[in-house]
PDB file of N, CA and C in Angstrom:
ATOM      1  N   MET A   1      12.850   2.562  15.463  1.00  0.00           N
ATOM      2  CA  MET A   1      11.290   2.697  15.220  1.00  0.00           C
ATOM      3  C   MET A   1      11.261   1.856  13.949  1.00  0.00           C
ATOM      4  N   ILE A   2       9.951   1.355  13.956  1.00  0.00           N
ATOM      5  CA  ILE A   2       9.452   0.651  12.981  1.00  0.00           C
ATOM      6  C   ILE A   2       8.220   0.835  12.271  1.00  0.00           C
ATOM      7  N   GLY A   3       8.163   0.900  11.020  1.00  0.00           N
ATOM      8  CA  GLY A   3       6.657   1.099  10.418  1.00  0.00           C
ATOM      9  C   GLY A   3       6.299   0.211   9.174  1.00  0.00           C
ATOM     10  N   ILE A   4       5.151  -0.108   9.099  1.00  0.00           N
ATOM     11  CA  ILE A   4       4.838  -1.121   8.117  1.00  0.00           C
ATOM     12  C   ILE A   4       3.605  -0.480   7.368  1.00  0.00           C
ATOM     13  N   ASP A   5       3.441  -0.902   6.069  1.00  0.00           N
ATOM     14  CA  ASP A   5       2.176  -0.430   5.236  1.00  0.00           C
ATOM     15  C   ASP A   5       1.999  -1.478   4.013  1.00  0.00           C
ATOM     16  N   VAL A   6       0.755  -1.740   4.000  1.00  0.00           N
ATOM     17  CA  VAL A   6       0.502  -2.519   2.734  1.00  0.00           C
ATOM     18  C   VAL A   6      -0.860  -2.046   2.012  1.00  0.00           C
ATOM     19  N   VAL A   7      -0.450  -1.964   0.684  1.00  0.00           N
ATOM     20  CA  VAL A   7      -1.526  -1.444  -0.309  1.00  0.00           C
ATOM     21  C   VAL A   7      -1.834  -2.191  -1.293  1.00  0.00           C
ATOM     22  N   SER A   8      -2.978  -1.867  -1.915  1.00  0.00           N
ATOM     23  CA  SER A   8      -3.487  -2.754  -2.780  1.00  0.00           C
ATOM     24  C   SER A   8      -2.699  -2.248  -4.341  1.00  0.00           C
ATOM     25  N   ILE A   9      -2.251  -3.071  -4.983  1.00  0.00           N
ATOM     26  CA  ILE A   9      -1.522  -2.651  -6.330  1.00  0.00           C
ATOM     27  C   ILE A   9      -2.766  -2.039  -7.109  1.00  0.00           C
ATOM     28  N   ASN A  10      -3.856  -2.650  -6.999  1.00  0.00           N
ATOM     29  CA  ASN A  10      -5.031  -2.282  -8.092  1.00  0.00           C
ATOM     30  C   ASN A  10      -5.277  -0.876  -7.779  1.00  0.00           C
ATOM     31  N   ARG A  11      -5.283  -0.595  -6.349  1.00  0.00           N
ATOM     32  CA  ARG A  11      -5.485   1.091  -6.143  1.00  0.00           C
ATOM     33  C   ARG A  11      -4.589   1.965  -6.940  1.00  0.00           C
ATOM     34  N   ILE A  12      -3.510   1.451  -6.647  1.00  0.00           N
ATOM     35  CA  ILE A  12      -2.402   2.595  -7.191  1.00  0.00           C
ATOM     36  C   ILE A  12      -2.421   2.480  -8.977  1.00  0.00           C
ATOM     37  N   GLU A  13      -3.118   1.273  -9.339  1.00  0.00           N
ATOM     38  CA  GLU A  13      -3.271   1.279 -10.911  1.00  0.00           C
ATOM     39  C   GLU A  13      -4.289   1.992 -11.264  1.00  0.00           C
ATOM     40  N   LYS A  14      -5.496   2.044 -10.485  1.00  0.00           N
ATOM     41  CA  LYS A  14      -6.780   2.627 -10.731  1.00  0.00           C
ATOM     42  C   LYS A  14      -6.047   4.258 -10.562  1.00  0.00           C
ATOM     43  N   MET A  15      -5.456   4.666  -9.661  1.00  0.00           N
ATOM     44  CA  MET A  15      -5.263   6.012  -9.449  1.00  0.00           C
ATOM     45  C   MET A  15      -4.297   6.386 -10.762  1.00  0.00           C
ATOM     46  N   TYR A  16      -3.510   5.747 -11.218  1.00  0.00           N
ATOM     47  CA  TYR A  16      -2.793   5.941 -12.558  1.00  0.00           C
ATOM     48  C   TYR A  16      -3.476   5.907 -13.773  1.00  0.00           C
ATOM     49  N   GLU A  17      -4.497   5.242 -13.791  1.00  0.00           N
ATOM     50  CA  GLU A  17      -5.282   5.164 -14.921  1.00  0.00           C
ATOM     51  C   GLU A  17      -6.160   6.623 -15.080  1.00  0.00           C
ATOM     52  N   LYS A  18      -6.758   6.666 -13.851  1.00  0.00           N
ATOM     53  CA  LYS A  18      -7.527   7.990 -13.777  1.00  0.00           C
ATOM     54  C   LYS A  18      -6.776   9.484 -14.259  1.00  0.00           C
ATOM     55  N   PHE A  19      -5.550   9.451 -13.580  1.00  0.00           N
ATOM     56  CA  PHE A  19      -4.806  11.035 -13.673  1.00  0.00           C
ATOM     57  C   PHE A  19      -3.669  10.702 -14.291  1.00  0.00           C
ATOM     58  N   GLY A  20      -2.975   9.538 -14.842  1.00  0.00           N
ATOM     59  CA  GLY A  20      -1.882   9.563 -15.422  1.00  0.00           C
ATOM     60  C   GLY A  20      -0.647   9.879 -14.820  1.00  0.00           C
ATOM     61  N   LYS A  21       0.348  10.343 -15.006  1.00  0.00           N
ATOM     62  CA  LYS A  21       1.658  10.522 -14.652  1.00  0.00           C
ATOM     63  C   LYS A  21       1.409  11.685 -13.174  1.00  0.00           C
ATOM     64  N   LYS A  22       0.309  12.449 -13.434  1.00  0.00           N
ATOM     65  CA  LYS A  22       0.175  13.351 -12.326  1.00  0.00           C
ATOM     66  C   LYS A  22      -0.148  12.521 -10.880  1.00  0.00           C
ATOM     67  N   ALA A  23      -0.830  11.350 -11.152  1.00  0.00           N
ATOM     68  CA  ALA A  23      -0.808  10.679  -9.839  1.00  0.00           C
ATOM     69  C   ALA A  23       0.380  10.320  -8.927  1.00  0.00           C
ATOM     70  N   TYR A  24       1.479   9.883  -9.987  1.00  0.00           N
ATOM     71  CA  TYR A  24       2.806   9.636  -9.518  1.00  0.00           C
ATOM     72  C   TYR A  24       3.458  10.965  -8.780  1.00  0.00           C
ATOM     73  N   HIS A  25       3.074  12.190  -9.474  1.00  0.00           N
ATOM     74  CA  HIS A  25       3.915  13.357  -8.868  1.00  0.00           C
ATOM     75  C   HIS A  25       3.357  13.738  -7.547  1.00  0.00           C
ATOM     76  N   LYS A  26       2.128  12.879  -7.239  1.00  0.00           N
ATOM     77  CA  LYS A  26       1.679  13.476  -5.889  1.00  0.00           C
ATOM     78  C   LYS A  26       2.193  12.936  -4.918  1.00  0.00           C
ATOM     79  N   TYR A  27       3.037  11.955  -5.019  1.00  0.00           N
ATOM     80  CA  TYR A  27       4.086  11.086  -3.926  1.00  0.00           C
ATOM     81  C   TYR A  27       5.463  10.902  -4.262  1.00  0.00           C
ATOM     82  N   LEU A  28       5.745  11.059  -5.430  1.00  0.00           N
ATOM     83  CA  LEU A  28       7.123  10.689  -6.210  1.00  0.00           C
ATOM     84  C   LEU A  28       7.763  11.843  -6.828  1.00  0.00           C
ATOM     85  N   ASN A  29       9.056  11.936  -6.637  1.00  0.00           N
ATOM     86  CA  ASN A  29      10.113  13.034  -7.695  1.00  0.00           C
ATOM     87  C   ASN A  29      10.113  12.525  -8.831  1.00  0.00           C
ATOM     88  N   GLU A  30      10.860  13.270  -9.651  1.00  0.00           N
ATOM     89  CA  GLU A  30      11.223  12.886 -11.081  1.00  0.00           C
ATOM     90  C   GLU A  30      12.018  11.625 -11.051  1.00  0.00           C
ATOM     91  N   ASN A  31      13.060  11.536 -10.008  1.00  0.00           N
ATOM     92  CA  ASN A  31      14.033  10.413 -10.146  1.00  0.00           C
ATOM     93  C   ASN A  31      13.438   9.168  -9.808  1.00  0.00           C
ATOM     94  N   GLU A  32      12.434   9.240  -8.594  1.00  0.00           N
ATOM     95  CA  GLU A  32      11.844   8.013  -8.153  1.00  0.00           C
ATOM     96  C   GLU A  32      10.894   7.441  -9.485  1.00  0.00           C
ATOM     97  N   ILE A  33      10.105   8.247 -10.042  1.00  0.00           N
ATOM     98  CA  ILE A  33       9.358   8.353 -11.287  1.00  0.00           C
ATOM     99  C   ILE A  33      10.101   7.514 -12.567  1.00  0.00           C
ATOM    100  N   LYS A  34      11.095   7.788 -12.564  1.00  0.00           N
ATOM    101  CA  LYS A  34      12.030   6.944 -13.627  1.00  0.00           C
ATOM    102  C   LYS A  34      12.177   5.706 -13.250  1.00  0.00           C
ATOM    103  N   LEU A  35      12.440   5.149 -11.835  1.00  0.00           N
ATOM    104  CA  LEU A  35      12.351   3.990 -11.702  1.00  0.00           C
ATOM    105  C   LEU A  35      11.525   2.929 -11.775  1.00  0.00           C
ATOM    106  N   ILE A  36      10.314   3.330 -12.131  1.00  0.00           N
ATOM    107  CA  ILE A  36       9.160   2.621 -12.090  1.00  0.00           C
ATOM    108  C   ILE A  36       8.795   2.075 -13.641  1.00  0.00           C
ATOM    109  N   LYS A  37       9.005   0.818 -13.572  1.00  0.00           N
ATOM    110  CA  LYS A  37       8.833   0.210 -14.865  1.00  0.00           C
ATOM    111  C   LYS A  37       7.490  -0.720 -14.966  1.00  0.00           C
ATOM    112  N   LYS A  38       6.863  -1.182 -13.545  1.00  0.00           N
ATOM    113  CA  LYS A  38       5.901  -1.859 -13.526  1.00  0.00           C
ATOM    114  C   LYS A  38       4.990  -1.222 -12.332  1.00  0.00           C
ATOM    115  N   ILE A  39       3.505  -1.226 -12.385  1.00  0.00           N
ATOM    116  CA  ILE A  39       2.777  -1.018 -11.292  1.00  0.00           C
ATOM    117  C   ILE A  39       2.940  -1.333 -10.002  1.00  0.00           C
ATOM    118  N   GLU A  40       3.693  -2.615  -9.823  1.00  0.00           N
ATOM    119  CA  GLU A  40       4.198  -3.074  -8.576  1.00  0.00           C
ATOM    120  C   GLU A  40       4.972  -2.195  -7.743  1.00  0.00           C
ATOM    121  N   THR A  41       5.862  -1.517  -8.780  1.00  0.00           N
ATOM    122  CA  THR A  41       6.857  -0.694  -8.045  1.00  0.00           C
ATOM    123  C   THR A  41       6.426   0.556  -7.682  1.00  0.00           C
ATOM    124  N   ALA A  42       5.469   1.179  -8.237  1.00  0.00           N
ATOM    125  CA  ALA A  42       4.778   2.370  -7.853  1.00  0.00           C
ATOM    126  C   ALA A  42       4.026   2.375  -6.619  1.00  0.00           C
ATOM    127  N   ALA A  43       3.402   0.820  -6.394  1.00  0.00           N
ATOM    128  CA  ALA A  43       2.661   0.664  -5.417  1.00  0.00           C
ATOM    129  C   ALA A  43       3.692   0.381  -3.984  1.00  0.00           C
ATOM    130  N   GLY A  44       4.729  -0.421  -4.303  1.00  0.00           N
ATOM    131  CA  GLY A  44       5.718  -0.343  -3.443  1.00  0.00           C
ATOM    132  C   GLY A  44       6.300   0.789  -2.817  1.00  0.00           C
ATOM    133  N   PHE A  45       6.525   1.872  -3.767  1.00  0.00           N
ATOM    134  CA  PHE A  45       7.041   3.304  -3.196  1.00  0.00           C
ATOM    135  C   PHE A  45       5.943   3.572  -2.436  1.00  0.00           C
ATOM    136  N   TRP A  46       4.685   3.656  -2.732  1.00  0.00           N
ATOM    137  CA  TRP A  46       3.531   4.074  -1.960  1.00  0.00           C
ATOM    138  C   TRP A  46       3.658   3.620  -0.402  1.00  0.00           C
ATOM    139  N   ALA A  47       3.612   2.204  -0.476  1.00  0.00           N
ATOM    140  CA  ALA A  47       3.781   1.528   0.819  1.00  0.00           C
ATOM    141  C   ALA A  47       5.158   2.014   1.510  1.00  0.00           C
ATOM    142  N   ALA A  48       6.186   2.106   0.814  1.00  0.00           N
ATOM    143  CA  ALA A  48       7.520   2.145   1.660  1.00  0.00           C
ATOM    144  C   ALA A  48       7.337   3.907   2.291  1.00  0.00           C
ATOM    145  N   LYS A  49       6.833   4.774   1.526  1.00  0.00           N
ATOM    146  CA  LYS A  49       6.695   6.096   2.070  1.00  0.00           C
ATOM    147  C   LYS A  49       5.813   6.139   3.551  1.00  0.00           C
ATOM    148  N   GLU A  50       4.471   5.453   3.124  1.00  0.00           N
ATOM    149  CA  GLU A  50       3.677   5.336   4.091  1.00  0.00           C
ATOM    150  C   GLU A  50       4.160   4.685   5.276  1.00  0.00           C
ATOM    151  N   ALA A  51       4.857   3.748   5.032  1.00  0.00           N
ATOM    152  CA  ALA A  51       5.632   2.946   6.418  1.00  0.00           C
ATOM    153  C   ALA A  51       6.805   3.922   7.099  1.00  0.00           C
ATOM    154  N   ALA A  52       7.458   4.717   6.131  1.00  0.00           N
ATOM    155  CA  ALA A  52       8.372   5.673   6.986  1.00  0.00           C
ATOM    156  C   ALA A  52       7.769   6.374   7.666  1.00  0.00           C
ATOM    157  N   SER A  53       6.430   7.199   7.083  1.00  0.00           N
ATOM    158  CA  SER A  53       5.851   8.034   8.088  1.00  0.00           C
ATOM    159  C   SER A  53       5.445   7.467   9.339  1.00  0.00           C
ATOM    160  N   LYS A  54       5.007   6.248   9.327  1.00  0.00           N
ATOM    161  CA  LYS A  54       4.585   5.513  10.492  1.00  0.00           C
ATOM    162  C   LYS A  54       5.739   5.301  11.553  1.00  0.00           C
ATOM    163  N   ALA A  55       6.599   5.078  10.847  1.00  0.00           N
ATOM    164  CA  ALA A  55       7.996   4.818  11.763  1.00  0.00           C
ATOM    165  C   ALA A  55       8.324   6.133  12.632  1.00  0.00           C
ATOM    166  N   LEU A  56       8.112   7.135  11.886  1.00  0.00           N
ATOM    167  CA  LEU A  56       8.453   8.381  12.370  1.00  0.00           C
ATOM    168  C   LEU A  56       7.418   8.795  13.500  1.00  0.00           C
ATOM    169  N   GLY A  57       6.331   8.259  13.350  1.00  0.00           N
ATOM    170  CA  GLY A  57       5.050   8.409  14.350  1.00  0.00           C
ATOM    171  C   GLY A  57       4.277   9.670  13.934  1.00  0.00           C
ATOM    172  N   CYS A  58       4.378  10.028  12.686  1.00  0.00           N
ATOM    173  CA  CYS A  58       3.670  11.325  12.449  1.00  0.00           C
ATOM    174  C   CYS A  58       2.862  11.031  11.276  1.00  0.00           C
ATOM    175  N   GLY A  59       2.943  10.012  10.479  1.00  0.00           N
ATOM    176  CA  GLY A  59       2.148   9.937   9.296  1.00  0.00           C
ATOM    177  C   GLY A  59       2.514  10.839   8.395  1.00  0.00           C
ATOM    178  N   ILE A  60       1.752  10.836   6.912  1.00  0.00           N
ATOM    179  CA  ILE A  60       1.945  11.895   6.155  1.00  0.00           C
ATOM    180  C   ILE A  60       1.402  13.141   6.327  1.00  0.00           C
ATOM    181  N   GLY A  61       2.059  14.051   6.303  1.00  0.00           N
ATOM    182  CA  GLY A  61       1.262  15.252   6.592  1.00  0.00           C
ATOM    183  C   GLY A  61       2.423  16.529   6.984  1.00  0.00           C
ATOM    184  N   GLU A  62       2.063  17.545   7.768  1.00  0.00           N
ATOM    185  CA  GLU A  62       2.908  18.665   7.903  1.00  0.00           C
ATOM    186  C   GLU A  62       4.342  18.419   8.292  1.00  0.00           C
ATOM    187  N   GLU A  63       4.326  17.549   9.207  1.00  0.00           N
ATOM    188  CA  GLU A  63       5.804  17.317   9.607  1.00  0.00           C
ATOM    189  C   GLU A  63       6.805  16.468   8.621  1.00  0.00           C
ATOM    190  N   CYS A  64       6.025  15.592   7.827  1.00  0.00           N
ATOM    191  CA  CYS A  64       6.904  14.818   7.005  1.00  0.00           C
ATOM    192  C   CYS A  64       5.655  14.456   5.802  1.00  0.00           C
ATOM    193  N   ALA A  65       6.035  15.409   4.571  1.00  0.00           N
ATOM    194  CA  ALA A  65       5.421  15.000   3.274  1.00  0.00           C
ATOM    195  C   ALA A  65       5.972  13.725   2.451  1.00  0.00           C
ATOM    196  N   PHE A  66       5.180  13.405   1.458  1.00  0.00           N
ATOM    197  CA  PHE A  66       5.568  12.318   0.621  1.00  0.00           C
ATOM    198  C   PHE A  66       7.088  12.806   0.129  1.00  0.00           C
ATOM    199  N   HIS A  67       7.106  13.980  -0.414  1.00  0.00           N
ATOM    200  CA  HIS A  67       8.245  14.524  -0.857  1.00  0.00           C
ATOM    201  C   HIS A  67       9.418  14.714   0.073  1.00  0.00           C
ATOM    202  N   ASP A  68       9.273  14.582   1.186  1.00  0.00           N
ATOM    203  CA  ASP A  68      10.396  14.437   2.165  1.00  0.00           C
ATOM    204  C   ASP A  68      11.023  13.113   2.458  1.00  0.00           C
ATOM    205  N   ILE A  69      10.413  12.126   1.908  1.00  0.00           N
ATOM    206  CA  ILE A  69      10.674  10.674   1.815  1.00  0.00           C
ATOM    207  C   ILE A  69      11.496  10.337   0.472  1.00  0.00           C
ATOM    208  N   LEU A  70      12.760  10.072   0.450  1.00  0.00           N
ATOM    209  CA  LEU A  70      13.258   9.957  -1.012  1.00  0.00           C
ATOM    210  C   LEU A  70      13.638   8.339  -1.147  1.00  0.00           C
ATOM    211  N   LEU A  71      12.991   7.402  -2.183  1.00  0.00           N
ATOM    212  CA  LEU A  71      13.543   6.257  -2.520  1.00  0.00           C
ATOM    213  C   LEU A  71      14.397   6.317  -3.656  1.00  0.00           C
ATOM    214  N   SER A  72      15.380   5.243  -3.712  1.00  0.00           N
ATOM    215  CA  SER A  72      16.208   5.005  -4.804  1.00  0.00           C
ATOM    216  C   SER A  72      16.693   3.470  -4.641  1.00  0.00           C
ATOM    217  N   LYS A  73      17.468   3.220  -5.697  1.00  0.00           N
ATOM    218  CA  LYS A  73      18.053   1.803  -5.789  1.00  0.00           C
ATOM    219  C   LYS A  73      19.352   1.723  -5.720  1.00  0.00           C
ATOM    220  N   THR A  74      19.872   0.778  -4.885  1.00  0.00           N
ATOM    221  CA  THR A  74      21.297   0.547  -4.913  1.00  0.00           C
ATOM    222  C   THR A  74      21.938  -0.175  -6.029  1.00  0.00           C
ATOM    223  N   PRO A  75      23.162  -0.231  -6.173  1.00  0.00           N
ATOM    224  CA  PRO A  75      23.626  -0.876  -7.404  1.00  0.00           C
ATOM    225  C   PRO A  75      23.137  -2.277  -7.786  1.00  0.00           C
ATOM    226  N   LYS A  76      22.918  -2.915  -6.649  1.00  0.00           N
ATOM    227  CA  LYS A  76      22.263  -4.330  -6.833  1.00  0.00           C
ATOM    228  C   LYS A  76      20.835  -4.188  -6.888  1.00  0.00           C
ATOM    229  N   ASN A  77      20.205  -3.111  -6.913  1.00  0.00           N
ATOM    230  CA  ASN A  77      18.938  -2.906  -7.281  1.00  0.00           C
ATOM    231  C   ASN A  77      17.757  -3.060  -5.994  1.00  0.00           C
ATOM    232  N   ALA A  78      18.478  -2.992  -4.837  1.00  0.00           N
ATOM    233  CA  ALA A  78      17.732  -3.128  -3.632  1.00  0.00           C
ATOM    234  C   ALA A  78      17.320  -1.588  -3.368  1.00  0.00           C
ATOM    235  N   PRO A  79      16.010  -1.471  -2.708  1.00  0.00           N
ATOM    236  CA  PRO A  79      15.521  -0.462  -2.350  1.00  0.00           C
ATOM    237  C   PRO A  79      16.361   0.531  -1.366  1.00  0.00           C
ATOM    238  N   PHE A  80      16.538   1.638  -1.615  1.00  0.00           N
ATOM    239  CA  PHE A  80      17.150   2.581  -0.691  1.00  0.00           C
ATOM    240  C   PHE A  80      16.342   3.658  -0.205  1.00  0.00           C
ATOM    241  N   ILE A  81      16.411   4.091   0.968  1.00  0.00           N
ATOM    242  CA  ILE A  81      15.427   5.179   1.638  1.00  0.00           C
ATOM    243  C   ILE A  81      16.263   6.184   2.301  1.00  0.00           C
ATOM    244  N   THR A  82      16.015   7.475   2.073  1.00  0.00           N
ATOM    245  CA  THR A  82      16.503   8.458   2.895  1.00  0.00           C
ATOM    246  C   THR A  82      15.353   9.658   2.922  1.00  0.00           C
ATOM    247  N   PHE A  83      15.852  10.711   3.457  1.00  0.00           N
ATOM    248  CA  PHE A  83      14.836  11.741   3.880  1.00  0.00           C
ATOM    249  C   PHE A  83      15.296  13.290   3.597  1.00  0.00           C
ATOM    250  N   SER A  84      14.328  14.209   3.563  1.00  0.00           N
ATOM    251  CA  SER A  84      15.093  15.548   3.380  1.00  0.00           C
ATOM    252  C   SER A  84      15.720  15.934   4.445  1.00  0.00           C
ATOM    253  N   LYS A  85      16.561  17.000   4.573  1.00  0.00           N
ATOM    254  CA  LYS A  85      17.463  17.291   5.488  1.00  0.00           C
ATOM    255  C   LYS A  85      16.301  17.959   6.695  1.00  0.00           C
ATOM    256  N   LYS A  86      15.372  18.456   6.425  1.00  0.00           N
ATOM    257  CA  LYS A  86      14.242  18.786   7.497  1.00  0.00           C
ATOM    258  C   LYS A  86      13.871  17.647   8.398  1.00  0.00           C
ATOM    259  N   VAL A  87      13.395  16.584   7.548  1.00  0.00           N
ATOM    260  CA  VAL A  87      13.133  15.652   8.266  1.00  0.00           C
ATOM    261  C   VAL A  87      14.248  14.689   9.292  1.00  0.00           C
ATOM    262  N   LEU A  88      15.404  14.645   8.583  1.00  0.00           N
ATOM    263  CA  LEU A  88      16.574  14.070   9.223  1.00  0.00           C
ATOM    264  C   LEU A  88      16.858  14.754  10.503  1.00  0.00           C
ATOM    265  N   GLU A  89      16.912  16.226  10.364  1.00  0.00           N
ATOM    266  CA  GLU A  89      17.231  16.814  11.622  1.00  0.00           C
ATOM    267  C   GLU A  89      16.038  16.870  12.701  1.00  0.00           C
ATOM    268  N   LYS A  90      14.974  17.336  12.329  1.00  0.00           N
ATOM    269  CA  LYS A  90      13.592  17.153  13.262  1.00  0.00           C
ATOM    270  C   LYS A  90      13.643  15.843  13.942  1.00  0.00           C
ATOM    271  N   PHE A  91      13.787  14.622  13.481  1.00  0.00           N
ATOM    272  CA  PHE A  91      13.549  13.319  13.830  1.00  0.00           C
ATOM    273  C   PHE A  91      14.812  12.620  14.381  1.00  0.00           C
ATOM    274  N   SER A  92      15.978  13.187  14.184  1.00  0.00           N
ATOM    275  CA  SER A  92      17.239  12.718  14.624  1.00  0.00           C
ATOM    276  C   SER A  92      17.592  11.391  13.988  1.00  0.00           C
ATOM    277  N   ILE A  93      17.416  11.289  12.749  1.00  0.00           N
ATOM    278  CA  ILE A  93      17.628   9.989  12.152  1.00  0.00           C
ATOM    279  C   ILE A  93      19.095   9.707  11.569  1.00  0.00           C
ATOM    280  N   LYS A  94      19.541   8.611  12.042  1.00  0.00           N
ATOM    281  CA  LYS A  94      20.907   8.304  11.924  1.00  0.00           C
ATOM    282  C   LYS A  94      21.259   7.379  10.656  1.00  0.00           C
ATOM    283  N   LYS A  95      20.314   6.348  10.666  1.00  0.00           N
ATOM    284  CA  LYS A  95      19.965   5.476   9.635  1.00  0.00           C
ATOM    285  C   LYS A  95      18.719   4.810   9.384  1.00  0.00           C
ATOM    286  N   ALA A  96      18.497   4.499   8.058  1.00  0.00           N
ATOM    287  CA  ALA A  96      16.993   4.211   7.714  1.00  0.00           C
ATOM    288  C   ALA A  96      17.208   2.864   6.519  1.00  0.00           C
ATOM    289  N   HIS A  97      16.312   1.963   6.992  1.00  0.00           N
ATOM    290  CA  HIS A  97      16.382   0.805   6.296  1.00  0.00           C
ATOM    291  C   HIS A  97      14.962   0.508   5.632  1.00  0.00           C
ATOM    292  N   VAL A  98      14.817  -0.120   4.608  1.00  0.00           N
ATOM    293  CA  VAL A  98      13.522  -0.334   3.838  1.00  0.00           C
ATOM    294  C   VAL A  98      13.641  -1.999   3.245  1.00  0.00           C
ATOM    295  N   SER A  99      12.396  -2.317   3.389  1.00  0.00           N
ATOM    296  CA  SER A  99      12.308  -3.474   2.483  1.00  0.00           C
ATOM    297  C   SER A  99      10.841  -3.672   1.763  1.00  0.00           C
ATOM    298  N   ILE A 100      10.706  -3.806   0.539  1.00  0.00           N
ATOM    299  CA  ILE A 100       9.502  -3.810   0.035  1.00  0.00           C
ATOM    300  C   ILE A 100       9.385  -5.020  -0.954  1.00  0.00           C
ATOM    301  N   SER A 101       8.049  -5.396  -0.955  1.00  0.00           N
ATOM    302  CA  SER A 101       7.800  -6.791  -1.497  1.00  0.00           C
ATOM    303  C   SER A 101       6.502  -6.588  -2.091  1.00  0.00           C
ATOM    304  N   HIS A 102       5.925  -7.627  -3.479  1.00  0.00           N
ATOM    305  CA  HIS A 102       4.849  -7.568  -3.530  1.00  0.00           C
ATOM    306  C   HIS A 102       4.385  -8.801  -4.151  1.00  0.00           C
ATOM    307  N   ASP A 103       3.199  -9.266  -3.954  1.00  0.00           N
ATOM    308  CA  ASP A 103       2.621 -10.597  -4.227  1.00  0.00           C
ATOM    309  C   ASP A 103       1.102 -10.438  -4.284  1.00  0.00           C
ATOM    310  N   ASN A 104       0.587 -11.453  -5.252  1.00  0.00           N
ATOM    311  CA  ASN A 104      -0.716 -11.718  -5.126  1.00  0.00           C
ATOM    312  C   ASN A 104      -1.922 -10.476  -4.853  1.00  0.00           C
ATOM    313  N   GLY A 105      -1.508  -9.315  -5.677  1.00  0.00           N
ATOM    314  CA  GLY A 105      -2.237  -8.027  -5.585  1.00  0.00           C
ATOM    315  C   GLY A 105      -1.778  -7.227  -4.697  1.00  0.00           C
ATOM    316  N   PHE A 106      -0.896  -7.300  -4.044  1.00  0.00           N
ATOM    317  CA  PHE A 106      -0.388  -6.464  -2.594  1.00  0.00           C
ATOM    318  C   PHE A 106       0.875  -6.148  -2.638  1.00  0.00           C
ATOM    319  N   ALA A 107       1.101  -4.812  -2.259  1.00  0.00           N
ATOM    320  CA  ALA A 107       2.779  -4.475  -2.117  1.00  0.00           C
ATOM    321  C   ALA A 107       2.842  -3.981  -0.520  1.00  0.00           C
ATOM    322  N   ILE A 108       3.939  -4.440   0.003  1.00  0.00           N
ATOM    323  CA  ILE A 108       4.042  -4.239   1.471  1.00  0.00           C
ATOM    324  C   ILE A 108       5.465  -3.488   1.599  1.00  0.00           C
ATOM    325  N   ALA A 109       5.537  -2.845   2.708  1.00  0.00           N
ATOM    326  CA  ALA A 109       6.985  -2.353   2.742  1.00  0.00           C
ATOM    327  C   ALA A 109       7.141  -2.175   4.530  1.00  0.00           C
ATOM    328  N   VAL A 110       8.433  -2.194   4.763  1.00  0.00           N
ATOM    329  CA  VAL A 110       8.598  -2.099   6.345  1.00  0.00           C
ATOM    330  C   VAL A 110       9.797  -1.380   6.335  1.00  0.00           C
ATOM    331  N   VAL A 111       9.746  -0.028   7.182  1.00  0.00           N
ATOM    332  CA  VAL A 111      11.109   0.694   7.607  1.00  0.00           C
ATOM    333  C   VAL A 111      11.488   0.553   8.877  1.00  0.00           C
ATOM    334  N   ALA A 112      12.572   0.810   9.036  1.00  0.00           N
ATOM    335  CA  ALA A 112      13.091   0.549  10.283  1.00  0.00           C
ATOM    336  C   ALA A 112      14.213   1.749  10.298  1.00  0.00           C
ATOM    337  N   LEU A 113      14.094   2.361  11.253  1.00  0.00           N
ATOM    338  CA  LEU A 113      14.905   3.945  11.645  1.00  0.00           C
ATOM    339  C   LEU A 113      15.638   4.052  12.890  1.00  0.00           C
ATOM    340  N   GLU A 114      17.243   4.230  12.622  1.00  0.00           N
ATOM    341  CA  GLU A 114      17.941   4.178  13.813  1.00  0.00           C
ATOM    342  C   GLU A 114      17.916   5.699  14.282  1.00  0.00           C
ATOM    343  N   LYS A 115      18.151   5.938  15.586  1.00  0.00           N
ATOM    344  CA  LYS A 115      18.326   7.428  15.904  1.00  0.00           C
ATOM    345  C   LYS A 115      19.808   7.463  16.721  1.00  0.00           C
TER     346      LYS A 115
END
């Protein structure tokens, strides 16, 4: 299963300017927030979580919330994605892959799931 999402970096930046760190808490946990050094990373994480929910076929909501999707970095600084136990079991996810990129004011992410 594959999901993709693109988001305007400016949209995430405006959300942060208006609400501060509270904006990040809407969709990120503390460990994820610690990884954000630039607004592009925050936008990429938003896109990755949206793409993951699309790959699941449910979107962000009751079956899979933003905080059920967990992003981190590998030792080589590549993005890494996993899910809450609830989502892993419900959707029978065996493996998950994520790619995040940003350029020219946009962040894009692709998530591929193996069952």
